[in-house]
Structure formats: structure tokens, C-alpha cells
Amino acid sequence: MGTALDKQTSDKVSFITFIIPRFAESYKMNVRDAYLYLKKYGGLEYLMEHWWALHTDNPFWAVRDMYEICHQNGGAR
């Protein structure tokens, strides 16, 4: 018998799998490279910690916030 994800976890996974491709598209990266960039420069950690607030905003601003976090942590593109 499998265990179902609780609603909050399911919503978090849905948002993360939605926003990483938006980030990739915005900065002309493939999804894998976007994921690795976000992971390397703190954007993924920021996303995991603040997904609830980010998902209520326009995706443009969520992507921009993630970019700013990465930039502050040494990421350049």
C-alpha cells in the first residue's frame, strides 16, 4: 500500500516543477542547467524555503526573485 503525499507537499512539488522550467525559459537555459544553476547559487534552497509565498505571486516575480538570490550568491548570466 503506497502513501499519498499530503496536500501541502503535493502543492510544493507542483509549484517547483512549474517554476524551474519558467526560470529556464526566462534565462534561455535548458531545465537541467537551470536546476543546476539554482542549486549551485542558492536559488533552489530559496525556492524550497519560500515556495508558499512565491506561488501566490505572478511567476515573473518568482523567477526574478530566484535570479536575484542567485546573483547575490555569485551567479552571473
PDB file of N, CA and C in Angstrom:
ATOM      1  N   MET A   1       0.849  -1.178   0.000  1.00  0.00           N
ATOM      2  CA  MET A   1       0.000   0.000   0.000  1.00  0.00           C
ATOM      3  C   MET A   1       0.898   1.245   0.000  1.00  0.00           C
ATOM      4  N   GLY A   2       0.780   2.096  -1.033  1.00  0.00           N
ATOM      5  CA  GLY A   2       1.581   3.310  -1.151  1.00  0.00           C
ATOM      6  C   GLY A   2       1.037   4.415  -0.266  1.00  0.00           C
ATOM      7  N   THR A   3       1.881   5.369   0.006  1.00  0.00           N
ATOM      8  CA  THR A   3       1.438   6.512   0.792  1.00  0.00           C
ATOM      9  C   THR A   3       1.280   7.709  -0.136  1.00  0.00           C
ATOM     10  N   ALA A   4       0.201   8.385   0.019  1.00  0.00           N
ATOM     11  CA  ALA A   4      -0.066   9.577  -0.787  1.00  0.00           C
ATOM     12  C   ALA A   4       0.618  10.780  -0.148  1.00  0.00           C
ATOM     13  N   LEU A   5       1.018  11.707  -0.983  1.00  0.00           N
ATOM     14  CA  LEU A   5       1.589  12.947  -0.467  1.00  0.00           C
ATOM     15  C   LEU A   5       0.483  13.777   0.162  1.00  0.00           C
ATOM     16  N   ASP A   6       0.814  14.470   1.247  1.00  0.00           N
ATOM     17  CA  ASP A   6      -0.180  15.380   1.798  1.00  0.00           C
ATOM     18  C   ASP A   6      -0.342  16.552   0.834  1.00  0.00           C
ATOM     19  N   LYS A   7      -1.419  17.303   0.977  1.00  0.00           N
ATOM     20  CA  LYS A   7      -1.737  18.369   0.035  1.00  0.00           C
ATOM     21  C   LYS A   7      -0.630  19.414  -0.046  1.00  0.00           C
ATOM     22  N   GLN A   8      -0.064  19.810   1.075  1.00  0.00           N
ATOM     23  CA  GLN A   8       0.978  20.845   1.048  1.00  0.00           C
ATOM     24  C   GLN A   8       2.215  20.342   0.288  1.00  0.00           C
ATOM     25  N   THR A   9       2.613  19.126   0.520  1.00  0.00           N
ATOM     26  CA  THR A   9       3.765  18.571  -0.192  1.00  0.00           C
ATOM     27  C   THR A   9       3.469  18.465  -1.678  1.00  0.00           C
ATOM     28  N   SER A  10       2.275  18.030  -2.008  1.00  0.00           N
ATOM     29  CA  SER A  10       1.867  17.932  -3.410  1.00  0.00           C
ATOM     30  C   SER A  10       1.877  19.308  -4.079  1.00  0.00           C
ATOM     31  N   ASP A  11       1.354  20.316  -3.383  1.00  0.00           N
ATOM     32  CA  ASP A  11       1.352  21.682  -3.915  1.00  0.00           C
ATOM     33  C   ASP A  11       2.778  22.207  -4.100  1.00  0.00           C
ATOM     34  N   LYS A  12       3.653  21.901  -3.158  1.00  0.00           N
ATOM     35  CA  LYS A  12       5.045  22.336  -3.234  1.00  0.00           C
ATOM     36  C   LYS A  12       5.735  21.714  -4.450  1.00  0.00           C
ATOM     37  N   VAL A  13       5.567  20.416  -4.621  1.00  0.00           N
ATOM     38  CA  VAL A  13       6.167  19.721  -5.759  1.00  0.00           C
ATOM     39  C   VAL A  13       5.613  20.282  -7.064  1.00  0.00           C
ATOM     40  N   SER A  14       4.319  20.509  -7.119  1.00  0.00           N
ATOM     41  CA  SER A  14       3.695  21.060  -8.328  1.00  0.00           C
ATOM     42  C   SER A  14       4.270  22.427  -8.667  1.00  0.00           C
ATOM     43  N   PHE A  15       4.424  23.274  -7.672  1.00  0.00           N
ATOM     44  CA  PHE A  15       4.951  24.606  -7.929  1.00  0.00           C
ATOM     45  C   PHE A  15       6.409  24.546  -8.386  1.00  0.00           C
ATOM     46  N   ILE A  16       7.206  23.748  -7.710  1.00  0.00           N
ATOM     47  CA  ILE A  16       8.626  23.649  -8.065  1.00  0.00           C
ATOM     48  C   ILE A  16       8.785  23.115  -9.484  1.00  0.00           C
ATOM     49  N   THR A  17       7.992  22.111  -9.853  1.00  0.00           N
ATOM     50  CA  THR A  17       8.097  21.566 -11.207  1.00  0.00           C
ATOM     51  C   THR A  17       7.500  22.511 -12.247  1.00  0.00           C
ATOM     52  N   PHE A  18       6.734  23.476 -11.813  1.00  0.00           N
ATOM     53  CA  PHE A  18       6.215  24.516 -12.705  1.00  0.00           C
ATOM     54  C   PHE A  18       7.230  25.655 -12.877  1.00  0.00           C
ATOM     55  N   ILE A  19       7.842  26.095 -11.776  1.00  0.00           N
ATOM     56  CA  ILE A  19       8.627  27.331 -11.815  1.00  0.00           C
ATOM     57  C   ILE A  19      10.047  27.127 -12.362  1.00  0.00           C
ATOM     58  N   ILE A  20      10.654  25.978 -12.156  1.00  0.00           N
ATOM     59  CA  ILE A  20      12.010  25.769 -12.683  1.00  0.00           C
ATOM     60  C   ILE A  20      12.021  25.861 -14.211  1.00  0.00           C
ATOM     61  N   PRO A  21      11.083  25.247 -14.929  1.00  0.00           N
ATOM     62  CA  PRO A  21      11.057  25.461 -16.385  1.00  0.00           C
ATOM     63  C   PRO A  21      10.795  26.918 -16.784  1.00  0.00           C
ATOM     64  N   ARG A  22      10.016  27.651 -16.004  1.00  0.00           N
ATOM     65  CA  ARG A  22       9.800  29.083 -16.289  1.00  0.00           C
ATOM     66  C   ARG A  22      11.109  29.840 -16.128  1.00  0.00           C
ATOM     67  N   PHE A  23      11.870  29.489 -15.093  1.00  0.00           N
ATOM     68  CA  PHE A  23      13.178  30.108 -14.878  1.00  0.00           C
ATOM     69  C   PHE A  23      14.081  29.799 -16.070  1.00  0.00           C
ATOM     70  N   ALA A  24      14.111  28.554 -16.474  1.00  0.00           N
ATOM     71  CA  ALA A  24      14.944  28.133 -17.612  1.00  0.00           C
ATOM     72  C   ALA A  24      14.577  28.906 -18.871  1.00  0.00           C
ATOM     73  N   GLU A  25      13.310  29.014 -19.128  1.00  0.00           N
ATOM     74  CA  GLU A  25      12.834  29.728 -20.319  1.00  0.00           C
ATOM     75  C   GLU A  25      13.215  31.211 -20.259  1.00  0.00           C
ATOM     76  N   SER A  26      13.041  31.807 -19.100  1.00  0.00           N
ATOM     77  CA  SER A  26      13.324  33.232 -18.940  1.00  0.00           C
ATOM     78  C   SER A  26      14.788  33.569 -19.173  1.00  0.00           C
ATOM     79  N   TYR A  27      15.675  32.659 -18.777  1.00  0.00           N
ATOM     80  CA  TYR A  27      17.105  32.916 -18.889  1.00  0.00           C
ATOM     81  C   TYR A  27      17.769  32.047 -19.958  1.00  0.00           C
ATOM     82  N   LYS A  28      16.950  31.552 -20.881  1.00  0.00           N
ATOM     83  CA  LYS A  28      17.434  30.811 -22.050  1.00  0.00           C
ATOM     84  C   LYS A  28      18.392  29.676 -21.686  1.00  0.00           C
ATOM     85  N   MET A  29      17.917  28.832 -20.775  1.00  0.00           N
ATOM     86  CA  MET A  29      18.670  27.665 -20.327  1.00  0.00           C
ATOM     87  C   MET A  29      17.796  26.436 -20.558  1.00  0.00           C
ATOM     88  N   ASN A  30      18.416  25.263 -20.610  1.00  0.00           N
ATOM     89  CA  ASN A  30      17.571  24.073 -20.574  1.00  0.00           C
ATOM     90  C   ASN A  30      17.230  23.812 -19.104  1.00  0.00           C
ATOM     91  N   VAL A  31      16.244  22.988 -18.861  1.00  0.00           N
ATOM     92  CA  VAL A  31      15.740  22.787 -17.500  1.00  0.00           C
ATOM     93  C   VAL A  31      16.822  22.195 -16.592  1.00  0.00           C
ATOM     94  N   ARG A  32      17.608  21.278 -17.105  1.00  0.00           N
ATOM     95  CA  ARG A  32      18.663  20.663 -16.292  1.00  0.00           C
ATOM     96  C   ARG A  32      19.681  21.721 -15.860  1.00  0.00           C
ATOM     97  N   ASP A  33      20.120  22.546 -16.802  1.00  0.00           N
ATOM     98  CA  ASP A  33      21.086  23.595 -16.464  1.00  0.00           C
ATOM     99  C   ASP A  33      20.492  24.608 -15.487  1.00  0.00           C
ATOM    100  N   ALA A  34      19.222  24.924 -15.655  1.00  0.00           N
ATOM    101  CA  ALA A  34      18.557  25.849 -14.731  1.00  0.00           C
ATOM    102  C   ALA A  34      18.539  25.262 -13.321  1.00  0.00           C
ATOM    103  N   TYR A  35      18.197  23.982 -13.217  1.00  0.00           N
ATOM    104  CA  TYR A  35      18.178  23.316 -11.916  1.00  0.00           C
ATOM    105  C   TYR A  35      19.569  23.369 -11.267  1.00  0.00           C
ATOM    106  N   LEU A  36      20.587  23.024 -12.040  1.00  0.00           N
ATOM    107  CA  LEU A  36      21.954  23.023 -11.505  1.00  0.00           C
ATOM    108  C   LEU A  36      22.411  24.429 -11.109  1.00  0.00           C
ATOM    109  N   TYR A  37      22.046  25.432 -11.902  1.00  0.00           N
ATOM    110  CA  TYR A  37      22.365  26.825 -11.588  1.00  0.00           C
ATOM    111  C   TYR A  37      21.680  27.234 -10.283  1.00  0.00           C
ATOM    112  N   LEU A  38      20.397  26.938 -10.178  1.00  0.00           N
ATOM    113  CA  LEU A  38      19.650  27.279  -8.960  1.00  0.00           C
ATOM    114  C   LEU A  38      20.235  26.575  -7.742  1.00  0.00           C
ATOM    115  N   LYS A  39      20.606  25.327  -7.919  1.00  0.00           N
ATOM    116  CA  LYS A  39      21.193  24.564  -6.810  1.00  0.00           C
ATOM    117  C   LYS A  39      22.536  25.153  -6.395  1.00  0.00           C
ATOM    118  N   LYS A  40      23.377  25.481  -7.349  1.00  0.00           N
ATOM    119  CA  LYS A  40      24.718  25.990  -7.070  1.00  0.00           C
ATOM    120  C   LYS A  40      24.701  27.351  -6.375  1.00  0.00           C
ATOM    121  N   TYR A  41      23.762  28.213  -6.779  1.00  0.00           N
ATOM    122  CA  TYR A  41      23.781  29.596  -6.282  1.00  0.00           C
ATOM    123  C   TYR A  41      22.673  29.928  -5.281  1.00  0.00           C
ATOM    124  N   GLY A  42      22.074  28.917  -4.680  1.00  0.00           N
ATOM    125  CA  GLY A  42      21.138  29.158  -3.590  1.00  0.00           C
ATOM    126  C   GLY A  42      19.696  29.405  -3.986  1.00  0.00           C
ATOM    127  N   GLY A  43      19.422  29.436  -5.281  1.00  0.00           N
ATOM    128  CA  GLY A  43      18.049  29.666  -5.713  1.00  0.00           C
ATOM    129  C   GLY A  43      17.119  28.522  -5.379  1.00  0.00           C
ATOM    130  N   LEU A  44      17.622  27.309  -5.447  1.00  0.00           N
ATOM    131  CA  LEU A  44      16.790  26.146  -5.130  1.00  0.00           C
ATOM    132  C   LEU A  44      16.460  26.105  -3.640  1.00  0.00           C
ATOM    133  N   GLU A  45      17.445  26.401  -2.824  1.00  0.00           N
ATOM    134  CA  GLU A  45      17.207  26.454  -1.377  1.00  0.00           C
ATOM    135  C   GLU A  45      16.169  27.540  -1.056  1.00  0.00           C
ATOM    136  N   TYR A  46      16.329  28.687  -1.687  1.00  0.00           N
ATOM    137  CA  TYR A  46      15.368  29.784  -1.508  1.00  0.00           C
ATOM    138  C   TYR A  46      13.967  29.341  -1.945  1.00  0.00           C
ATOM    139  N   LEU A  47      13.895  28.681  -3.078  1.00  0.00           N
ATOM    140  CA  LEU A  47      12.624  28.195  -3.599  1.00  0.00           C
ATOM    141  C   LEU A  47      11.993  27.202  -2.634  1.00  0.00           C
ATOM    142  N   MET A  48      12.768  26.271  -2.120  1.00  0.00           N
ATOM    143  CA  MET A  48      12.236  25.263  -1.195  1.00  0.00           C
ATOM    144  C   MET A  48      11.729  25.911   0.101  1.00  0.00           C
ATOM    145  N   GLU A  49      12.438  26.922   0.555  1.00  0.00           N
ATOM    146  CA  GLU A  49      12.074  27.571   1.816  1.00  0.00           C
ATOM    147  C   GLU A  49      10.890  28.527   1.661  1.00  0.00           C
ATOM    148  N   HIS A  50      10.798  29.204   0.527  1.00  0.00           N
ATOM    149  CA  HIS A  50       9.801  30.267   0.368  1.00  0.00           C
ATOM    150  C   HIS A  50       8.741  29.976  -0.701  1.00  0.00           C
ATOM    151  N   TRP A  51       8.617  28.722  -1.091  1.00  0.00           N
ATOM    152  CA  TRP A  51       7.696  28.387  -2.174  1.00  0.00           C
ATOM    153  C   TRP A  51       6.284  28.867  -1.894  1.00  0.00           C
ATOM    154  N   TRP A  52       5.862  28.820  -0.648  1.00  0.00           N
ATOM    155  CA  TRP A  52       4.476  29.181  -0.329  1.00  0.00           C
ATOM    156  C   TRP A  52       4.190  30.642  -0.698  1.00  0.00           C
ATOM    157  N   ALA A  53       5.086  31.534  -0.353  1.00  0.00           N
ATOM    158  CA  ALA A  53       4.901  32.944  -0.705  1.00  0.00           C
ATOM    159  C   ALA A  53       5.097  33.155  -2.208  1.00  0.00           C
ATOM    160  N   LEU A  54       6.096  32.495  -2.784  1.00  0.00           N
ATOM    161  CA  LEU A  54       6.375  32.670  -4.210  1.00  0.00           C
ATOM    162  C   LEU A  54       5.223  32.199  -5.091  1.00  0.00           C
ATOM    163  N   HIS A  55       4.548  31.148  -4.672  1.00  0.00           N
ATOM    164  CA  HIS A  55       3.495  30.609  -5.536  1.00  0.00           C
ATOM    165  C   HIS A  55       2.259  31.494  -5.584  1.00  0.00           C
ATOM    166  N   THR A  56       2.153  32.428  -4.657  1.00  0.00           N
ATOM    167  CA  THR A  56       0.985  33.313  -4.662  1.00  0.00           C
ATOM    168  C   THR A  56       1.191  34.529  -5.557  1.00  0.00           C
ATOM    169  N   ASP A  57       2.417  34.719  -6.016  1.00  0.00           N
ATOM    170  CA  ASP A  57       2.745  35.877  -6.834  1.00  0.00           C
ATOM    171  C   ASP A  57       2.748  35.504  -8.313  1.00  0.00           C
ATOM    172  N   ASN A  58       2.854  36.489  -9.147  1.00  0.00           N
ATOM    173  CA  ASN A  58       2.998  36.271 -10.575  1.00  0.00           C
ATOM    174  C   ASN A  58       4.298  35.492 -10.806  1.00  0.00           C
ATOM    175  N   PRO A  59       4.280  34.474 -11.667  1.00  0.00           N
ATOM    176  CA  PRO A  59       5.502  33.705 -11.917  1.00  0.00           C
ATOM    177  C   PRO A  59       6.697  34.567 -12.337  1.00  0.00           C
ATOM    178  N   PHE A  60       6.450  35.670 -13.032  1.00  0.00           N
ATOM    179  CA  PHE A  60       7.530  36.576 -13.421  1.00  0.00           C
ATOM    180  C   PHE A  60       8.325  37.014 -12.196  1.00  0.00           C
ATOM    181  N   TRP A  61       7.620  37.398 -11.140  1.00  0.00           N
ATOM    182  CA  TRP A  61       8.292  37.905  -9.939  1.00  0.00           C
ATOM    183  C   TRP A  61       8.971  36.791  -9.174  1.00  0.00           C
ATOM    184  N   ALA A  62       8.398  35.600  -9.162  1.00  0.00           N
ATOM    185  CA  ALA A  62       9.046  34.458  -8.506  1.00  0.00           C
ATOM    186  C   ALA A  62      10.367  34.139  -9.198  1.00  0.00           C
ATOM    187  N   VAL A  63      10.347  34.123 -10.530  1.00  0.00           N
ATOM    188  CA  VAL A  63      11.562  33.868 -11.305  1.00  0.00           C
ATOM    189  C   VAL A  63      12.589  34.964 -11.037  1.00  0.00           C
ATOM    190  N   ARG A  64      12.152  36.181 -11.024  1.00  0.00           N
ATOM    191  CA  ARG A  64      13.050  37.316 -10.784  1.00  0.00           C
ATOM    192  C   ARG A  64      13.672  37.237  -9.392  1.00  0.00           C
ATOM    193  N   ASP A  65      12.872  36.892  -8.386  1.00  0.00           N
ATOM    194  CA  ASP A  65      13.391  36.741  -7.024  1.00  0.00           C
ATOM    195  C   ASP A  65      14.460  35.652  -6.969  1.00  0.00           C
ATOM    196  N   MET A  66      14.214  34.534  -7.633  1.00  0.00           N
ATOM    197  CA  MET A  66      15.180  33.443  -7.654  1.00  0.00           C
ATOM    198  C   MET A  66      16.475  33.896  -8.330  1.00  0.00           C
ATOM    199  N   TYR A  67      16.336  34.647  -9.421  1.00  0.00           N
ATOM    200  CA  TYR A  67      17.521  35.185 -10.107  1.00  0.00           C
ATOM    201  C   TYR A  67      18.319  36.088  -9.171  1.00  0.00           C
ATOM    202  N   GLU A  68      17.628  36.960  -8.461  1.00  0.00           N
ATOM    203  CA  GLU A  68      18.307  37.893  -7.551  1.00  0.00           C
ATOM    204  C   GLU A  68      19.064  37.149  -6.454  1.00  0.00           C
ATOM    205  N   ILE A  69      18.466  36.113  -5.910  1.00  0.00           N
ATOM    206  CA  ILE A  69      19.149  35.312  -4.884  1.00  0.00           C
ATOM    207  C   ILE A  69      20.407  34.693  -5.473  1.00  0.00           C
ATOM    208  N   CYS A  70      20.294  34.109  -6.653  1.00  0.00           N
ATOM    209  CA  CYS A  70      21.463  33.505  -7.297  1.00  0.00           C
ATOM    210  C   CYS A  70      22.542  34.543  -7.573  1.00  0.00           C
ATOM    211  N   HIS A  71      22.137  35.683  -8.058  1.00  0.00           N
ATOM    212  CA  HIS A  71      23.091  36.760  -8.359  1.00  0.00           C
ATOM    213  C   HIS A  71      23.824  37.199  -7.083  1.00  0.00           C
ATOM    214  N   GLN A  72      23.093  37.311  -5.994  1.00  0.00           N
ATOM    215  CA  GLN A  72      23.711  37.707  -4.710  1.00  0.00           C
ATOM    216  C   GLN A  72      24.707  36.659  -4.222  1.00  0.00           C
ATOM    217  N   ASN A  73      24.526  35.422  -4.669  1.00  0.00           N
ATOM    218  CA  ASN A  73      25.409  34.334  -4.257  1.00  0.00           C
ATOM    219  C   ASN A  73      26.473  33.989  -5.302  1.00  0.00           C
ATOM    220  N   GLY A  74      26.726  34.913  -6.217  1.00  0.00           N
ATOM    221  CA  GLY A  74      27.798  34.732  -7.172  1.00  0.00           C
ATOM    222  C   GLY A  74      27.393  34.264  -8.559  1.00  0.00           C
ATOM    223  N   GLY A  75      26.121  34.023  -8.760  1.00  0.00           N
ATOM    224  CA  GLY A  75      25.664  33.583 -10.066  1.00  0.00           C
ATOM    225  C   GLY A  75      25.628  34.740 -11.048  1.00  0.00           C
ATOM    226  N   ALA A  76      26.044  34.474 -12.244  1.00  0.00           N
ATOM    227  CA  ALA A  76      26.017  35.500 -13.296  1.00  0.00           C
ATOM    228  C   ALA A  76      25.509  34.840 -14.567  1.00  0.00           C
ATOM    229  N   ARG A  77      24.782  35.575 -15.318  1.00  0.00           N
ATOM    230  CA  ARG A  77      24.249  35.020 -16.567  1.00  0.00           C
ATOM    231  C   ARG A  77      24.014  36.157 -17.514  1.00  0.00           C
TER     232      ARG A  77
END
